[in-house]
């Protein structure tokens, strides 16, 4: 039997237009996680010009946001204290942005980002320039975010340092000099949520209809020896 994780996690998706987030699948052990991870789309696919989509009744439904949150927490703004965010510009290599996302998810699920107990989830957001009936957005990047709960400045400082160290870690264990944007912090003012999205995902306008990527629905069977593609081997020790 594959070892249980320290917590159960749930994958959420968000369609463009500010609609409600949708719960996709949960996992609580290593085999389930690897099955979900191996079939999740990668941020490099966005940089290559594709768009995320899920299939329902043979029709592609576009997605602007993918999130992984503790199963007992919903990805709603007012239920979390804040988040750290990094914008990955489209001139970065696909291999690099995939590694950064993989490192963050790996650190999230396996408790490598500390203090792990205040981490509530992570998001990957498509903020590329796209066609819209409204005023065109100037954004042209993919954003990754690490969400947390708790109001201790000391804990946030420690979390930020640990988060950045995990991101810098290369497959051989050495640390890379960052070539991506600096880490920003966004505090969720839970007493003033009128200007914040009701759910974790913002309103990003309409998606282009080219090249949808369709993740599989729900977990399937995986070999016990199947590795999580793109994740450091340390999780198998």
Protein backbone atom coordinates (compact mmCIF):
# COMPACT_ATOMS: atom_id res chain seq x y z
CA UNK A 1 0.00 0.00 0.00
CA UNK A 2 1.32 3.45 -0.89
CA UNK A 3 2.06 5.73 2.08
CA UNK A 4 -0.55 8.27 3.07
CA UNK A 5 0.25 11.94 2.74
CA UNK A 6 0.16 14.18 5.80
CA UNK A 7 -3.02 15.79 4.44
CA UNK A 8 -5.70 15.27 1.83
CA UNK A 9 -5.64 17.70 -1.12
CA UNK A 10 -8.22 18.67 -3.73
CA UNK A 11 -7.72 19.97 -7.28
CA UNK A 12 -10.00 22.85 -8.30
CA UNK A 13 -10.55 24.49 -11.68
CA UNK A 14 -11.98 27.89 -12.55
CA UNK A 15 -13.53 28.88 -15.89
CA UNK A 16 -12.96 32.39 -17.26
CA UNK A 17 -15.55 35.04 -16.54
CA UNK A 18 -15.43 34.90 -12.74
CA UNK A 19 -17.62 31.80 -12.45
CA UNK A 20 -17.52 29.55 -9.41
CA UNK A 21 -14.60 27.20 -8.84
CA UNK A 22 -15.28 23.51 -9.49
CA UNK A 23 -13.94 20.63 -7.39
CA UNK A 24 -12.28 18.05 -9.69
CA UNK A 25 -10.54 15.29 -7.71
CA UNK A 26 -8.97 14.68 -4.29
CA UNK A 27 -5.92 12.63 -3.30
CA UNK A 28 -4.51 11.52 0.04
CA UNK A 29 -1.72 9.03 -0.73
CA UNK A 30 1.33 8.85 -2.97
CA UNK A 31 -0.23 6.74 -5.73
CA UNK A 32 -3.29 8.98 -6.01
CA UNK A 33 -1.13 12.09 -6.09
CA UNK A 34 1.15 10.76 -8.81
CA UNK A 35 -1.81 9.73 -10.93
CA UNK A 36 -3.34 13.21 -10.65
CA UNK A 37 -0.02 14.98 -11.16
CA UNK A 38 0.94 12.98 -14.25
CA UNK A 39 -2.27 14.04 -15.96
CA UNK A 40 -2.34 17.70 -14.90
CA UNK A 41 -1.44 20.23 -17.61
CA UNK A 42 1.87 22.08 -17.31
CA UNK A 43 2.43 25.86 -17.45
CA UNK A 44 4.83 25.41 -20.39
CA UNK A 45 1.82 24.39 -22.48
CA UNK A 46 0.37 27.85 -21.92
CA UNK A 47 3.63 29.48 -23.02
CA UNK A 48 3.48 27.39 -26.20
CA UNK A 49 0.14 28.98 -27.08
CA UNK A 50 -2.25 26.32 -25.79
CA UNK A 51 -5.13 26.88 -23.40
CA UNK A 52 -6.34 24.72 -20.52
CA UNK A 53 -9.67 22.96 -20.91
CA UNK A 54 -11.61 20.10 -19.38
CA UNK A 55 -13.90 17.85 -21.36
CA UNK A 56 -17.54 17.39 -20.41
CA UNK A 57 -20.08 15.64 -22.66
CA UNK A 58 -17.59 15.82 -25.52
CA UNK A 59 -17.22 19.61 -25.26
CA UNK A 60 -14.14 21.56 -24.16
CA UNK A 61 -14.66 23.99 -21.28
CA UNK A 62 -11.84 26.49 -20.95
CA UNK A 63 -10.03 27.01 -17.65
CA UNK A 64 -8.18 30.12 -16.48
CA UNK A 65 -7.07 28.78 -13.09
CA UNK A 66 -5.94 25.46 -11.58
CA UNK A 67 -5.67 25.18 -7.81
CA UNK A 68 -4.61 22.58 -5.23
CA UNK A 69 -5.99 23.21 -1.73
CA UNK A 70 -6.33 21.23 1.47
CA UNK A 71 -9.52 19.24 1.09
CA UNK A 72 -11.22 20.82 4.11
CA UNK A 73 -10.61 24.33 2.75
CA UNK A 74 -12.40 25.98 -0.15
CA UNK A 75 -10.45 28.35 -2.44
CA UNK A 76 -12.32 31.44 -1.29
CA UNK A 77 -10.52 34.72 -0.69
CA UNK A 78 -11.93 35.49 2.74
CA UNK A 79 -11.04 32.05 4.17
CA UNK A 80 -7.29 32.62 3.80
CA UNK A 81 -4.92 35.20 5.26
CA UNK A 82 -2.96 35.91 2.11
CA UNK A 83 -0.67 34.51 -0.56
CA UNK A 84 2.73 34.86 -2.18
CA UNK A 85 2.75 35.26 -5.95
CA UNK A 86 5.32 35.09 -8.74
CA UNK A 87 4.67 36.13 -12.34
CA UNK A 88 6.36 33.91 -14.92
CA UNK A 89 6.86 35.91 -18.11
CA UNK A 90 6.41 34.25 -21.47
CA UNK A 91 10.11 34.69 -22.35
CA UNK A 92 11.13 32.12 -19.71
CA UNK A 93 11.87 28.60 -20.90
CA UNK A 94 9.12 26.01 -20.67
CA UNK A 95 11.41 23.65 -18.76
CA UNK A 96 12.04 26.32 -16.12
CA UNK A 97 8.40 27.26 -15.51
CA UNK A 98 7.43 23.58 -15.32
CA UNK A 99 10.15 22.99 -12.74
CA UNK A 100 9.07 25.98 -10.65
CA UNK A 101 5.46 24.78 -10.63
CA UNK A 102 6.56 21.21 -9.90
CA UNK A 103 8.84 22.34 -7.07
CA UNK A 104 6.01 24.34 -5.50
CA UNK A 105 3.49 21.49 -5.73
CA UNK A 106 6.10 19.05 -4.44
CA UNK A 107 6.88 21.36 -1.51
CA UNK A 108 3.18 21.84 -0.83
CA UNK A 109 2.13 18.19 -0.82
CA UNK A 110 5.19 16.73 0.92
CA UNK A 111 5.67 19.46 3.52
CA UNK A 112 9.01 20.69 2.13
CA UNK A 113 7.90 24.34 2.35
CA UNK A 114 7.82 25.36 6.00
CA UNK A 115 6.00 26.05 8.21
CA UNK A 116 3.79 23.54 6.40
CA UNK A 117 0.89 23.83 8.83
CA UNK A 118 -0.02 27.36 7.71
CA UNK A 119 -0.02 26.52 3.98
CA UNK A 120 -3.51 26.15 2.58
CA UNK A 121 -3.01 25.74 -1.16
CA UNK A 122 -1.46 26.79 -4.45
CA UNK A 123 -2.71 28.17 -7.76
CA UNK A 124 -1.53 28.43 -11.36
CA UNK A 125 -3.26 31.22 -13.29
CA UNK A 126 -3.31 31.96 -17.01
CA UNK A 127 -2.79 35.72 -17.37
CA UNK A 128 -1.65 35.79 -20.98
CA UNK A 129 -2.89 38.46 -23.37
CA UNK A 130 -6.00 37.22 -25.13
CA UNK A 131 -8.88 38.49 -27.17
CA UNK A 132 -11.80 39.98 -25.28
CA UNK A 133 -14.89 42.04 -25.93
CA UNK A 134 -13.69 44.31 -23.17
CA UNK A 135 -10.58 46.47 -23.07
CA UNK A 136 -7.56 44.24 -23.87
CA UNK A 137 -5.47 43.33 -20.87
CA UNK A 138 -1.76 44.16 -20.86
CA UNK A 139 -0.89 41.07 -18.84
CA UNK A 140 1.21 38.43 -20.54
CA UNK A 141 2.38 35.89 -17.98
CA UNK A 142 1.52 32.80 -16.01
CA UNK A 143 1.20 33.37 -12.28
CA UNK A 144 1.87 30.87 -9.51
CA UNK A 145 0.66 31.50 -5.96
CA UNK A 146 1.18 29.92 -2.54
CA UNK A 147 -1.75 30.54 -0.19
CA UNK A 148 -1.50 30.57 3.61
CA UNK A 149 -3.50 31.03 6.79
CA UNK A 150 -2.34 32.71 9.98
CA UNK A 151 -1.44 36.26 10.95
CA UNK A 152 2.07 35.84 12.40
CA UNK A 153 4.59 38.09 10.58
CA UNK A 154 7.40 35.79 11.73
CA UNK A 155 5.71 32.73 10.25
CA UNK A 156 5.11 34.56 6.96
CA UNK A 157 8.76 35.62 6.79
CA UNK A 158 9.91 32.04 7.37
CA UNK A 159 7.39 30.74 4.83
CA UNK A 160 8.56 33.19 2.16
CA UNK A 161 12.20 32.17 2.61
CA UNK A 162 11.39 28.47 2.51
CA UNK A 163 9.13 28.91 -0.53
CA UNK A 164 11.84 30.75 -2.46
CA UNK A 165 14.48 28.17 -1.51
CA UNK A 166 12.30 25.30 -2.76
CA UNK A 167 11.73 27.14 -6.03
CA UNK A 168 15.47 27.66 -6.52
CA UNK A 169 16.31 23.99 -5.91
CA UNK A 170 17.47 22.13 -9.02
CA UNK A 171 17.18 18.36 -9.59
CA UNK A 172 20.77 17.82 -8.38
CA UNK A 173 20.04 19.64 -5.11
CA UNK A 174 21.95 22.81 -5.97
CA UNK A 175 20.28 26.21 -5.89
CA UNK A 176 19.75 28.29 -9.02
CA UNK A 177 20.06 32.07 -9.25
CA UNK A 178 16.52 33.30 -9.95
CA UNK A 179 15.81 34.65 -13.44
CA UNK A 180 12.09 35.06 -12.72
CA UNK A 181 10.25 37.94 -11.03
CA UNK A 182 10.54 38.62 -7.33
CA UNK A 183 8.04 37.25 -4.81
CA UNK A 184 5.14 39.54 -3.96
CA UNK A 185 2.83 39.17 -0.98
CA UNK A 186 -0.90 39.83 -1.11
CA UNK A 187 -2.73 40.09 2.23
CA UNK A 188 -6.41 39.18 2.09
CA UNK A 189 -8.32 41.81 4.00
CA UNK A 190 -11.10 39.55 5.20
CA UNK A 191 -12.99 42.49 6.65
CA UNK A 192 -13.17 44.21 3.27
CA UNK A 193 -13.97 41.64 0.65
CA UNK A 194 -16.11 43.84 -1.59
CA UNK A 195 -13.16 44.58 -3.88
CA UNK A 196 -11.82 41.03 -3.81
CA UNK A 197 -13.00 38.04 -5.82
CA UNK A 198 -15.49 35.89 -3.90
CA UNK A 199 -13.51 32.85 -5.04
CA UNK A 200 -9.78 32.36 -5.43
CA UNK A 201 -9.99 32.89 -9.18
CA UNK A 202 -10.30 36.34 -10.68
CA UNK A 203 -12.22 37.36 -13.79
CA UNK A 204 -9.75 37.06 -16.67
CA UNK A 205 -11.97 37.65 -19.68
CA UNK A 206 -12.64 35.28 -22.54
CA UNK A 207 -10.34 32.46 -23.54
CA UNK A 208 -9.04 32.00 -27.07
CA UNK A 209 -10.46 28.84 -28.56
CA UNK A 210 -7.20 27.46 -29.94
CA UNK A 211 -5.53 24.25 -28.83
CA UNK A 212 -7.43 23.17 -25.71
CA UNK A 213 -5.71 20.78 -23.34
CA UNK A 214 -8.10 18.30 -21.78
CA UNK A 215 -7.03 16.76 -18.45
CA UNK A 216 -8.51 13.37 -17.64
CA UNK A 217 -11.47 13.33 -15.29
CA UNK A 218 -10.80 11.75 -11.92
CA UNK A 219 -8.05 9.37 -10.79
CA UNK A 220 -7.27 6.17 -12.65
CA UNK A 221 -5.00 3.20 -12.11
CA UNK A 222 -1.26 3.75 -11.71
CA UNK A 223 1.59 1.34 -11.30
CA UNK A 224 3.11 1.29 -7.82
CA UNK A 225 6.49 2.00 -9.43
CA UNK A 226 5.27 4.84 -11.63
CA UNK A 227 7.05 8.06 -10.79
CA UNK A 228 5.51 11.51 -10.61
CA UNK A 229 6.68 13.03 -13.87
CA UNK A 230 8.69 16.22 -13.45
CA UNK A 231 8.99 15.97 -9.66
CA UNK A 232 12.28 15.48 -7.77
CA UNK A 233 13.10 11.88 -6.82
CA UNK A 234 13.34 12.94 -3.16
CA UNK A 235 9.62 12.21 -2.78
CA UNK A 236 10.34 8.52 -3.38
CA UNK A 237 12.95 8.11 -0.65
